[in-house]
Amino acid sequence: MDCEVNAFLRLERDRSDSSKLLADPKCATLKSIAKLSEFKKAGKWITCRECARIGDVIIALEQPSSWCLVHVDGDFHHLCHALGRRHKQLPSVIAADKKAGIKHP
C-alpha cells in the first residue's frame, strides 16, 4: 500500500509525463493507457494489482532519457514517441519467421 508508484506517476499534475501519455491520441488506443485513465478518473490508489495492468506505462516512464529502450511490444513505439524517448522495436521470432515464409503449427 505504501509503494512509491503513486508519487512517481504524479497523475494529479497536468504537466507530468503520465499526463502527456494520457493526452496523446495514439497512446489512447493502448490498453495500459485506458487502465491508467480509468485509475486517474476514479482517484484509485495504485497497488501492485493495478500496477500490473499498467506495466508498459511504468517501463516507458522509468526509462532514462539517455537510454534506448529495445523492445518487441508495439505499444512501446507509441509510449516512447509520446515521451520523446529513443527506442528500437525488434520483430518477434514469429514475425521474423512469417516474413521468411516459415510456418508455425
PDB file of N, CA and C in Angstrom:
ATOM      1  N   MET A   1       0.809  -1.206   0.000  1.00  0.00           N
ATOM      2  CA  MET A   1       0.000   0.000   0.000  1.00  0.00           C
ATOM      3  C   MET A   1       0.853   1.272   0.000  1.00  0.00           C
ATOM      4  N   ASP A   2       2.110   1.158   0.444  1.00  0.00           N
ATOM      5  CA  ASP A   2       2.941   2.353   0.534  1.00  0.00           C
ATOM      6  C   ASP A   2       3.956   2.437  -0.619  1.00  0.00           C
ATOM      7  N   CYS A   3       3.642   1.803  -1.734  1.00  0.00           N
ATOM      8  CA  CYS A   3       4.513   1.831  -2.911  1.00  0.00           C
ATOM      9  C   CYS A   3       4.653   3.265  -3.421  1.00  0.00           C
ATOM     10  N   GLU A   4       5.816   3.578  -3.945  1.00  0.00           N
ATOM     11  CA  GLU A   4       6.087   4.926  -4.440  1.00  0.00           C
ATOM     12  C   GLU A   4       5.539   5.190  -5.841  1.00  0.00           C
ATOM     13  N   VAL A   5       4.862   4.214  -6.439  1.00  0.00           N
ATOM     14  CA  VAL A   5       4.389   4.381  -7.817  1.00  0.00           C
ATOM     15  C   VAL A   5       3.390   5.531  -7.936  1.00  0.00           C
ATOM     16  N   ASN A   6       2.582   5.759  -6.921  1.00  0.00           N
ATOM     17  CA  ASN A   6       1.609   6.854  -6.979  1.00  0.00           C
ATOM     18  C   ASN A   6       2.306   8.207  -7.060  1.00  0.00           C
ATOM     19  N   ALA A   7       3.352   8.396  -6.264  1.00  0.00           N
ATOM     20  CA  ALA A   7       4.129   9.641  -6.319  1.00  0.00           C
ATOM     21  C   ALA A   7       4.901   9.726  -7.637  1.00  0.00           C
ATOM     22  N   PHE A   8       5.372   8.590  -8.119  1.00  0.00           N
ATOM     23  CA  PHE A   8       6.125   8.539  -9.373  1.00  0.00           C
ATOM     24  C   PHE A   8       5.254   8.962 -10.561  1.00  0.00           C
ATOM     25  N   LEU A   9       4.026   8.490 -10.608  1.00  0.00           N
ATOM     26  CA  LEU A   9       3.131   8.786 -11.736  1.00  0.00           C
ATOM     27  C   LEU A   9       2.677  10.242 -11.764  1.00  0.00           C
ATOM     28  N   ARG A  10       2.527  10.849 -10.603  1.00  0.00           N
ATOM     29  CA  ARG A  10       2.086  12.252 -10.499  1.00  0.00           C
ATOM     30  C   ARG A  10       0.841  12.520 -11.355  1.00  0.00           C
ATOM     31  N   LEU A  11      -0.141  11.674 -11.232  1.00  0.00           N
ATOM     32  CA  LEU A  11      -1.367  11.782 -12.029  1.00  0.00           C
ATOM     33  C   LEU A  11      -2.149  13.071 -11.761  1.00  0.00           C
ATOM     34  N   GLU A  12      -1.946  13.648 -10.594  1.00  0.00           N
ATOM     35  CA  GLU A  12      -2.666  14.870 -10.256  1.00  0.00           C
ATOM     36  C   GLU A  12      -2.111  16.101 -10.979  1.00  0.00           C
ATOM     37  N   ARG A  13      -0.943  15.978 -11.590  1.00  0.00           N
ATOM     38  CA  ARG A  13      -0.311  17.111 -12.279  1.00  0.00           C
ATOM     39  C   ARG A  13      -0.577  17.058 -13.776  1.00  0.00           C
ATOM     40  N   ASP A  14      -1.044  18.157 -14.322  1.00  0.00           N
ATOM     41  CA  ASP A  14      -1.361  18.222 -15.751  1.00  0.00           C
ATOM     42  C   ASP A  14      -0.124  18.177 -16.645  1.00  0.00           C
ATOM     43  N   ARG A  15       1.035  18.529 -16.113  1.00  0.00           N
ATOM     44  CA  ARG A  15       2.256  18.572 -16.925  1.00  0.00           C
ATOM     45  C   ARG A  15       3.211  17.407 -16.648  1.00  0.00           C
ATOM     46  N   SER A  16       2.724  16.380 -16.000  1.00  0.00           N
ATOM     47  CA  SER A  16       3.568  15.213 -15.728  1.00  0.00           C
ATOM     48  C   SER A  16       3.697  14.367 -16.991  1.00  0.00           C
ATOM     49  N   ASP A  17       4.702  13.505 -17.010  1.00  0.00           N
ATOM     50  CA  ASP A  17       4.860  12.596 -18.149  1.00  0.00           C
ATOM     51  C   ASP A  17       3.661  11.654 -18.274  1.00  0.00           C
ATOM     52  N   SER A  18       3.085  11.273 -17.150  1.00  0.00           N
ATOM     53  CA  SER A  18       1.888  10.426 -17.188  1.00  0.00           C
ATOM     54  C   SER A  18       0.754  11.141 -17.911  1.00  0.00           C
ATOM     55  N   SER A  19       0.607  12.434 -17.627  1.00  0.00           N
ATOM     56  CA  SER A  19      -0.446  13.218 -18.283  1.00  0.00           C
ATOM     57  C   SER A  19      -0.179  13.377 -19.772  1.00  0.00           C
ATOM     58  N   LYS A  20       1.103  13.457 -20.154  1.00  0.00           N
ATOM     59  CA  LYS A  20       1.461  13.500 -21.584  1.00  0.00           C
ATOM     60  C   LYS A  20       0.947  12.248 -22.287  1.00  0.00           C
ATOM     61  N   LEU A  21       1.168  11.108 -21.641  1.00  0.00           N
ATOM     62  CA  LEU A  21       0.728   9.844 -22.242  1.00  0.00           C
ATOM     63  C   LEU A  21      -0.791   9.785 -22.341  1.00  0.00           C
ATOM     64  N   LEU A  22      -1.476  10.236 -21.298  1.00  0.00           N
ATOM     65  CA  LEU A  22      -2.935  10.214 -21.303  1.00  0.00           C
ATOM     66  C   LEU A  22      -3.519  11.140 -22.364  1.00  0.00           C
ATOM     67  N   ALA A  23      -2.807  12.206 -22.691  1.00  0.00           N
ATOM     68  CA  ALA A  23      -3.299  13.181 -23.671  1.00  0.00           C
ATOM     69  C   ALA A  23      -2.933  12.826 -25.106  1.00  0.00           C
ATOM     70  N   ASP A  24      -2.022  11.898 -25.302  1.00  0.00           N
ATOM     71  CA  ASP A  24      -1.569  11.555 -26.644  1.00  0.00           C
ATOM     72  C   ASP A  24      -2.618  10.693 -27.363  1.00  0.00           C
ATOM     73  N   PRO A  25      -3.086  11.126 -28.548  1.00  0.00           N
ATOM     74  CA  PRO A  25      -4.138  10.373 -29.245  1.00  0.00           C
ATOM     75  C   PRO A  25      -3.720   8.966 -29.674  1.00  0.00           C
ATOM     76  N   LYS A  26      -2.466   8.770 -30.016  1.00  0.00           N
ATOM     77  CA  LYS A  26      -2.020   7.426 -30.421  1.00  0.00           C
ATOM     78  C   LYS A  26      -1.921   6.500 -29.217  1.00  0.00           C
ATOM     79  N   CYS A  27      -1.550   7.049 -28.078  1.00  0.00           N
ATOM     80  CA  CYS A  27      -1.477   6.241 -26.861  1.00  0.00           C
ATOM     81  C   CYS A  27      -2.864   5.884 -26.340  1.00  0.00           C
ATOM     82  N   ALA A  28      -3.848   6.696 -26.668  1.00  0.00           N
ATOM     83  CA  ALA A  28      -5.214   6.481 -26.162  1.00  0.00           C
ATOM     84  C   ALA A  28      -5.771   5.119 -26.567  1.00  0.00           C
ATOM     85  N   THR A  29      -5.238   4.520 -27.610  1.00  0.00           N
ATOM     86  CA  THR A  29      -5.724   3.218 -28.080  1.00  0.00           C
ATOM     87  C   THR A  29      -5.112   2.042 -27.313  1.00  0.00           C
ATOM     88  N   LEU A  30      -4.136   2.308 -26.460  1.00  0.00           N
ATOM     89  CA  LEU A  30      -3.435   1.241 -25.737  1.00  0.00           C
ATOM     90  C   LEU A  30      -4.190   0.842 -24.472  1.00  0.00           C
ATOM     91  N   LYS A  31      -4.216  -0.463 -24.193  1.00  0.00           N
ATOM     92  CA  LYS A  31      -4.921  -0.965 -23.012  1.00  0.00           C
ATOM     93  C   LYS A  31      -4.341  -0.409 -21.718  1.00  0.00           C
ATOM     94  N   SER A  32      -3.014  -0.305 -21.649  1.00  0.00           N
ATOM     95  CA  SER A  32      -2.389   0.181 -20.414  1.00  0.00           C
ATOM     96  C   SER A  32      -2.750   1.650 -20.158  1.00  0.00           C
ATOM     97  N   ILE A  33      -2.883   2.435 -21.209  1.00  0.00           N
ATOM     98  CA  ILE A  33      -3.279   3.840 -21.057  1.00  0.00           C
ATOM     99  C   ILE A  33      -4.755   3.933 -20.676  1.00  0.00           C
ATOM    100  N   ALA A  34      -5.584   3.084 -21.248  1.00  0.00           N
ATOM    101  CA  ALA A  34      -7.006   3.060 -20.875  1.00  0.00           C
ATOM    102  C   ALA A  34      -7.153   2.752 -19.384  1.00  0.00           C
ATOM    103  N   LYS A  35      -6.365   1.817 -18.885  1.00  0.00           N
ATOM    104  CA  LYS A  35      -6.408   1.469 -17.460  1.00  0.00           C
ATOM    105  C   LYS A  35      -5.905   2.629 -16.613  1.00  0.00           C
ATOM    106  N   LEU A  36      -4.804   3.252 -17.037  1.00  0.00           N
ATOM    107  CA  LEU A  36      -4.271   4.394 -16.296  1.00  0.00           C
ATOM    108  C   LEU A  36      -5.304   5.517 -16.222  1.00  0.00           C
ATOM    109  N   SER A  37      -5.975   5.766 -17.324  1.00  0.00           N
ATOM    110  CA  SER A  37      -7.021   6.784 -17.371  1.00  0.00           C
ATOM    111  C   SER A  37      -8.164   6.433 -16.413  1.00  0.00           C
ATOM    112  N   GLU A  38      -8.538   5.173 -16.411  1.00  0.00           N
ATOM    113  CA  GLU A  38      -9.593   4.695 -15.513  1.00  0.00           C
ATOM    114  C   GLU A  38      -9.184   4.900 -14.050  1.00  0.00           C
ATOM    115  N   PHE A  39      -7.942   4.573 -13.722  1.00  0.00           N
ATOM    116  CA  PHE A  39      -7.453   4.740 -12.353  1.00  0.00           C
ATOM    117  C   PHE A  39      -7.434   6.212 -11.958  1.00  0.00           C
ATOM    118  N   LYS A  40      -7.017   7.072 -12.895  1.00  0.00           N
ATOM    119  CA  LYS A  40      -6.960   8.508 -12.606  1.00  0.00           C
ATOM    120  C   LYS A  40      -8.361   9.064 -12.353  1.00  0.00           C
ATOM    121  N   LYS A  41      -9.300   8.736 -13.233  1.00  0.00           N
ATOM    122  CA  LYS A  41     -10.670   9.244 -13.092  1.00  0.00           C
ATOM    123  C   LYS A  41     -11.312   8.795 -11.786  1.00  0.00           C
ATOM    124  N   ALA A  42     -11.001   7.575 -11.367  1.00  0.00           N
ATOM    125  CA  ALA A  42     -11.582   7.026 -10.138  1.00  0.00           C
ATOM    126  C   ALA A  42     -10.817   7.476  -8.892  1.00  0.00           C
ATOM    127  N   GLY A  43      -9.685   8.145  -9.076  1.00  0.00           N
ATOM    128  CA  GLY A  43      -8.865   8.534  -7.932  1.00  0.00           C
ATOM    129  C   GLY A  43      -8.314   7.323  -7.214  1.00  0.00           C
ATOM    130  N   LYS A  44      -8.068   6.272  -7.966  1.00  0.00           N
ATOM    131  CA  LYS A  44      -7.654   4.971  -7.421  1.00  0.00           C
ATOM    132  C   LYS A  44      -6.238   5.022  -6.867  1.00  0.00           C
ATOM    133  N   TRP A  45      -6.044   4.471  -5.671  1.00  0.00           N
ATOM    134  CA  TRP A  45      -4.706   4.298  -5.113  1.00  0.00           C
ATOM    135  C   TRP A  45      -4.118   3.066  -5.787  1.00  0.00           C
ATOM    136  N   ILE A  46      -2.992   3.232  -6.429  1.00  0.00           N
ATOM    137  CA  ILE A  46      -2.419   2.147  -7.221  1.00  0.00           C
ATOM    138  C   ILE A  46      -1.548   1.259  -6.347  1.00  0.00           C
ATOM    139  N   THR A  47      -1.935  -0.015  -6.295  1.00  0.00           N
ATOM    140  CA  THR A  47      -1.175  -1.036  -5.580  1.00  0.00           C
ATOM    141  C   THR A  47      -0.576  -1.973  -6.623  1.00  0.00           C
ATOM    142  N   CYS A  48       0.051  -3.033  -6.187  1.00  0.00           N
ATOM    143  CA  CYS A  48       0.664  -4.000  -7.123  1.00  0.00           C
ATOM    144  C   CYS A  48      -0.355  -4.539  -8.128  1.00  0.00           C
ATOM    145  N   ARG A  49      -1.571  -4.746  -7.680  1.00  0.00           N
ATOM    146  CA  ARG A  49      -2.625  -5.287  -8.552  1.00  0.00           C
ATOM    147  C   ARG A  49      -2.891  -4.351  -9.737  1.00  0.00           C
ATOM    148  N   GLU A  50      -3.028  -3.062  -9.476  1.00  0.00           N
ATOM    149  CA  GLU A  50      -3.273  -2.087 -10.544  1.00  0.00           C
ATOM    150  C   GLU A  50      -2.009  -1.866 -11.375  1.00  0.00           C
ATOM    151  N   CYS A  51      -0.887  -1.834 -10.701  1.00  0.00           N
ATOM    152  CA  CYS A  51       0.387  -1.578 -11.377  1.00  0.00           C
ATOM    153  C   CYS A  51       0.664  -2.647 -12.443  1.00  0.00           C
ATOM    154  N   ALA A  52       0.289  -3.872 -12.161  1.00  0.00           N
ATOM    155  CA  ALA A  52       0.488  -4.957 -13.121  1.00  0.00           C
ATOM    156  C   ALA A  52      -0.283  -4.716 -14.412  1.00  0.00           C
ATOM    157  N   ARG A  53      -1.346  -3.936 -14.346  1.00  0.00           N
ATOM    158  CA  ARG A  53      -2.178  -3.666 -15.523  1.00  0.00           C
ATOM    159  C   ARG A  53      -1.675  -2.476 -16.332  1.00  0.00           C
ATOM    160  N   ILE A  54      -0.731  -1.721 -15.759  1.00  0.00           N
ATOM    161  CA  ILE A  54      -0.167  -0.560 -16.461  1.00  0.00           C
ATOM    162  C   ILE A  54       1.351  -0.696 -16.584  1.00  0.00           C
ATOM    163  N   GLY A  55       1.835  -1.929 -16.589  1.00  0.00           N
ATOM    164  CA  GLY A  55       3.267  -2.198 -16.599  1.00  0.00           C
ATOM    165  C   GLY A  55       4.025  -1.524 -17.733  1.00  0.00           C
ATOM    166  N   ASP A  56       3.457  -1.535 -18.941  1.00  0.00           N
ATOM    167  CA  ASP A  56       4.139  -0.902 -20.079  1.00  0.00           C
ATOM    168  C   ASP A  56       4.325   0.598 -19.846  1.00  0.00           C
ATOM    169  N   VAL A  57       3.347   1.225 -19.246  1.00  0.00           N
ATOM    170  CA  VAL A  57       3.434   2.656 -18.941  1.00  0.00           C
ATOM    171  C   VAL A  57       4.577   2.902 -17.958  1.00  0.00           C
ATOM    172  N   ILE A  58       4.644   2.086 -16.920  1.00  0.00           N
ATOM    173  CA  ILE A  58       5.688   2.240 -15.902  1.00  0.00           C
ATOM    174  C   ILE A  58       7.064   2.053 -16.531  1.00  0.00           C
ATOM    175  N   ILE A  59       7.230   1.039 -17.361  1.00  0.00           N
ATOM    176  CA  ILE A  59       8.513   0.790 -18.024  1.00  0.00           C
ATOM    177  C   ILE A  59       8.909   1.986 -18.879  1.00  0.00           C
ATOM    178  N   ALA A  60       7.985   2.501 -19.665  1.00  0.00           N
ATOM    179  CA  ALA A  60       8.283   3.646 -20.534  1.00  0.00           C
ATOM    180  C   ALA A  60       8.653   4.878 -19.717  1.00  0.00           C
ATOM    181  N   LEU A  61       7.956   5.110 -18.624  1.00  0.00           N
ATOM    182  CA  LEU A  61       8.225   6.282 -17.794  1.00  0.00           C
ATOM    183  C   LEU A  61       9.547   6.162 -17.035  1.00  0.00           C
ATOM    184  N   GLU A  62       9.932   4.944 -16.682  1.00  0.00           N
ATOM    185  CA  GLU A  62      11.169   4.731 -15.932  1.00  0.00           C
ATOM    186  C   GLU A  62      12.421   4.871 -16.799  1.00  0.00           C
ATOM    187  N   GLN A  63      12.252   4.783 -18.085  1.00  0.00           N
ATOM    188  CA  GLN A  63      13.393   4.815 -18.987  1.00  0.00           C
ATOM    189  C   GLN A  63      14.111   6.156 -18.919  1.00  0.00           C
ATOM    190  N   PRO A  64      15.391   6.174 -18.551  1.00  0.00           N
ATOM    191  CA  PRO A  64      16.141   7.434 -18.569  1.00  0.00           C
ATOM    192  C   PRO A  64      16.233   7.977 -19.999  1.00  0.00           C
ATOM    193  N   SER A  65      16.207   9.283 -20.128  1.00  0.00           N
ATOM    194  CA  SER A  65      16.212   9.897 -21.468  1.00  0.00           C
ATOM    195  C   SER A  65      17.482   9.594 -22.250  1.00  0.00           C
ATOM    196  N   SER A  66      18.550   9.215 -21.581  1.00  0.00           N
ATOM    197  CA  SER A  66      19.809   8.908 -22.278  1.00  0.00           C
ATOM    198  C   SER A  66      19.861   7.466 -22.781  1.00  0.00           C
ATOM    199  N   TRP A  67      18.878   6.659 -22.450  1.00  0.00           N
ATOM    200  CA  TRP A  67      18.853   5.251 -22.854  1.00  0.00           C
ATOM    201  C   TRP A  67      17.971   5.051 -24.077  1.00  0.00           C
ATOM    202  N   CYS A  68      18.161   3.918 -24.724  1.00  0.00           N
ATOM    203  CA  CYS A  68      17.318   3.494 -25.835  1.00  0.00           C
ATOM    204  C   CYS A  68      16.624   2.204 -25.406  1.00  0.00           C
ATOM    205  N   LEU A  69      15.323   2.219 -25.374  1.00  0.00           N
ATOM    206  CA  LEU A  69      14.561   1.040 -24.978  1.00  0.00           C
ATOM    207  C   LEU A  69      14.453   0.093 -26.167  1.00  0.00           C
ATOM    208  N   VAL A  70      14.931  -1.119 -26.004  1.00  0.00           N
ATOM    209  CA  VAL A  70      14.844  -2.143 -27.045  1.00  0.00           C
ATOM    210  C   VAL A  70      13.693  -3.064 -26.644  1.00  0.00           C
ATOM    211  N   HIS A  71      12.748  -3.263 -27.578  1.00  0.00           N
ATOM    212  CA  HIS A  71      11.516  -3.974 -27.232  1.00  0.00           C
ATOM    213  C   HIS A  71      10.961  -4.727 -28.429  1.00  0.00           C
ATOM    214  N   VAL A  72      10.035  -5.631 -28.146  1.00  0.00           N
ATOM    215  CA  VAL A  72       9.294  -6.319 -29.204  1.00  0.00           C
ATOM    216  C   VAL A  72       7.823  -5.902 -29.185  1.00  0.00           C
ATOM    217  N   ASP A  73       7.373  -5.332 -28.091  1.00  0.00           N
ATOM    218  CA  ASP A  73       5.981  -4.927 -27.911  1.00  0.00           C
ATOM    219  C   ASP A  73       5.717  -3.613 -28.645  1.00  0.00           C
ATOM    220  N   GLY A  74       4.788  -3.629 -29.582  1.00  0.00           N
ATOM    221  CA  GLY A  74       4.469  -2.456 -30.384  1.00  0.00           C
ATOM    222  C   GLY A  74       3.943  -1.273 -29.589  1.00  0.00           C
ATOM    223  N   ASP A  75       3.390  -1.518 -28.398  1.00  0.00           N
ATOM    224  CA  ASP A  75       2.874  -0.415 -27.578  1.00  0.00           C
ATOM    225  C   ASP A  75       3.971   0.588 -27.222  1.00  0.00           C
ATOM    226  N   PHE A  76       5.193   0.088 -27.056  1.00  0.00           N
ATOM    227  CA  PHE A  76       6.285   0.984 -26.684  1.00  0.00           C
ATOM    228  C   PHE A  76       6.621   1.981 -27.789  1.00  0.00           C
ATOM    229  N   HIS A  77       6.281   1.650 -29.025  1.00  0.00           N
ATOM    230  CA  HIS A  77       6.504   2.600 -30.107  1.00  0.00           C
ATOM    231  C   HIS A  77       5.736   3.890 -29.812  1.00  0.00           C
ATOM    232  N   HIS A  78       4.482   3.767 -29.445  1.00  0.00           N
ATOM    233  CA  HIS A  78       3.651   4.938 -29.150  1.00  0.00           C
ATOM    234  C   HIS A  78       4.040   5.600 -27.826  1.00  0.00           C
ATOM    235  N   LEU A  79       4.296   4.785 -26.806  1.00  0.00           N
ATOM    236  CA  LEU A  79       4.645   5.332 -25.497  1.00  0.00           C
ATOM    237  C   LEU A  79       5.943   6.128 -25.556  1.00  0.00           C
ATOM    238  N   CYS A  80       6.970   5.549 -26.168  1.00  0.00           N
ATOM    239  CA  CYS A  80       8.266   6.235 -26.252  1.00  0.00           C
ATOM    240  C   CYS A  80       8.186   7.471 -27.138  1.00  0.00           C
ATOM    241  N   HIS A  81       7.445   7.377 -28.214  1.00  0.00           N
ATOM    242  CA  HIS A  81       7.293   8.534 -29.109  1.00  0.00           C
ATOM    243  C   HIS A  81       6.632   9.701 -28.362  1.00  0.00           C
ATOM    244  N   ALA A  82       5.584   9.415 -27.610  1.00  0.00           N
ATOM    245  CA  ALA A  82       4.872  10.462 -26.871  1.00  0.00           C
ATOM    246  C   ALA A  82       5.758  11.112 -25.811  1.00  0.00           C
ATOM    247  N   LEU A  83       6.686  10.341 -25.267  1.00  0.00           N
ATOM    248  CA  LEU A  83       7.580  10.855 -24.229  1.00  0.00           C
ATOM    249  C   LEU A  83       8.866  11.441 -24.802  1.00  0.00           C
ATOM    250  N   GLY A  84       9.058  11.294 -26.116  1.00  0.00           N
ATOM    251  CA  GLY A  84      10.285  11.787 -26.739  1.00  0.00           C
ATOM    252  C   GLY A  84      11.504  10.963 -26.371  1.00  0.00           C
ATOM    253  N   ARG A  85      11.297   9.668 -26.132  1.00  0.00           N
ATOM    254  CA  ARG A  85      12.390   8.779 -25.729  1.00  0.00           C
ATOM    255  C   ARG A  85      12.774   7.869 -26.897  1.00  0.00           C
ATOM    256  N   ARG A  86      14.059   7.598 -26.978  1.00  0.00           N
ATOM    257  CA  ARG A  86      14.556   6.727 -28.049  1.00  0.00           C
ATOM    258  C   ARG A  86      14.142   5.279 -27.776  1.00  0.00           C
ATOM    259  N   HIS A  87      13.881   4.566 -28.871  1.00  0.00           N
ATOM    260  CA  HIS A  87      13.524   3.154 -28.737  1.00  0.00           C
ATOM    261  C   HIS A  87      13.836   2.432 -30.036  1.00  0.00           C
ATOM    262  N   LYS A  88      13.938   1.120 -29.933  1.00  0.00           N
ATOM    263  CA  LYS A  88      14.194   0.262 -31.096  1.00  0.00           C
ATOM    264  C   LYS A  88      13.294  -0.945 -30.960  1.00  0.00           C
ATOM    265  N   GLN A  89      12.395  -1.109 -31.921  1.00  0.00           N
ATOM    266  CA  GLN A  89      11.488  -2.252 -31.898  1.00  0.00           C
ATOM    267  C   GLN A  89      12.094  -3.377 -32.729  1.00  0.00           C
ATOM    268  N   LEU A  90      12.231  -4.534 -32.110  1.00  0.00           N
ATOM    269  CA  LEU A  90      12.721  -5.723 -32.798  1.00  0.00           C
ATOM    270  C   LEU A  90      11.530  -6.589 -33.179  1.00  0.00           C
ATOM    271  N   PRO A  91      11.583  -7.214 -34.341  1.00  0.00           N
ATOM    272  CA  PRO A  91      10.474  -8.107 -34.693  1.00  0.00           C
ATOM    273  C   PRO A  91      10.499  -9.341 -33.797  1.00  0.00           C
ATOM    274  N   SER A  92       9.339  -9.837 -33.480  1.00  0.00           N
ATOM    275  CA  SER A  92       9.278 -11.064 -32.688  1.00  0.00           C
ATOM    276  C   SER A  92       9.776 -12.217 -33.541  1.00  0.00           C
ATOM    277  N   VAL A  93      10.104 -13.324 -32.923  1.00  0.00           N
ATOM    278  CA  VAL A  93      10.575 -14.505 -33.647  1.00  0.00           C
ATOM    279  C   VAL A  93       9.503 -14.972 -34.627  1.00  0.00           C
ATOM    280  N   ILE A  94       8.257 -14.972 -34.199  1.00  0.00           N
ATOM    281  CA  ILE A  94       7.168 -15.415 -35.073  1.00  0.00           C
ATOM    282  C   ILE A  94       7.027 -14.474 -36.261  1.00  0.00           C
ATOM    283  N   ALA A  95       7.122 -13.165 -36.019  1.00  0.00           N
ATOM    284  CA  ALA A  95       7.022 -12.189 -37.115  1.00  0.00           C
ATOM    285  C   ALA A  95       8.175 -12.380 -38.104  1.00  0.00           C
ATOM    286  N   ALA A  96       9.377 -12.603 -37.584  1.00  0.00           N
ATOM    287  CA  ALA A  96      10.531 -12.817 -38.457  1.00  0.00           C
ATOM    288  C   ALA A  96      10.364 -14.102 -39.265  1.00  0.00           C
ATOM    289  N   ASP A  97       9.848 -15.147 -38.623  1.00  0.00           N
ATOM    290  CA  ASP A  97       9.615 -16.410 -39.326  1.00  0.00           C
ATOM    291  C   ASP A  97       8.554 -16.245 -40.405  1.00  0.00           C
ATOM    292  N   LYS A  98       7.492 -15.507 -40.107  1.00  0.00           N
ATOM    293  CA  LYS A  98       6.446 -15.269 -41.111  1.00  0.00           C
ATOM    294  C   LYS A  98       7.017 -14.547 -42.317  1.00  0.00           C
ATOM    295  N   LYS A  99       7.851 -13.567 -42.051  1.00  0.00           N
ATOM    296  CA  LYS A  99       8.474 -12.816 -43.137  1.00  0.00           C
ATOM    297  C   LYS A  99       9.360 -13.723 -43.984  1.00  0.00           C
ATOM    298  N   ALA A 100       9.984 -14.699 -43.350  1.00  0.00           N
ATOM    299  CA  ALA A 100      10.841 -15.653 -44.061  1.00  0.00           C
ATOM    300  C   ALA A 100      10.064 -16.802 -44.669  1.00  0.00           C
ATOM    301  N   GLY A 101       8.754 -16.849 -44.437  1.00  0.00           N
ATOM    302  CA  GLY A 101       7.914 -17.896 -45.008  1.00  0.00           C
ATOM    303  C   GLY A 101       7.874 -19.176 -44.187  1.00  0.00           C
ATOM    304  N   ILE A 102       8.339 -19.124 -42.953  1.00  0.00           N
ATOM    305  CA  ILE A 102       8.333 -20.286 -42.066  1.00  0.00           C
ATOM    306  C   ILE A 102       7.007 -20.308 -41.316  1.00  0.00           C
ATOM    307  N   LYS A 103       6.325 -21.447 -41.391  1.00  0.00           N
ATOM    308  CA  LYS A 103       5.019 -21.561 -40.728  1.00  0.00           C
ATOM    309  C   LYS A 103       5.156 -22.242 -39.387  1.00  0.00           C
ATOM    310  N   HIS A 104       4.370 -21.774 -38.438  1.00  0.00           N
ATOM    311  CA  HIS A 104       4.319 -22.372 -37.100  1.00  0.00           C
ATOM    312  C   HIS A 104       3.012 -23.143 -36.954  1.00  0.00           C
ATOM    313  N   PRO A 105       3.064 -24.252 -36.199  1.00  0.00           N
ATOM    314  CA  PRO A 105       1.838 -25.042 -36.012  1.00  0.00           C
ATOM    315  C   PRO A 105       0.773 -24.289 -35.245  1.00  0.00           C
TER     316      PRO A 105
END
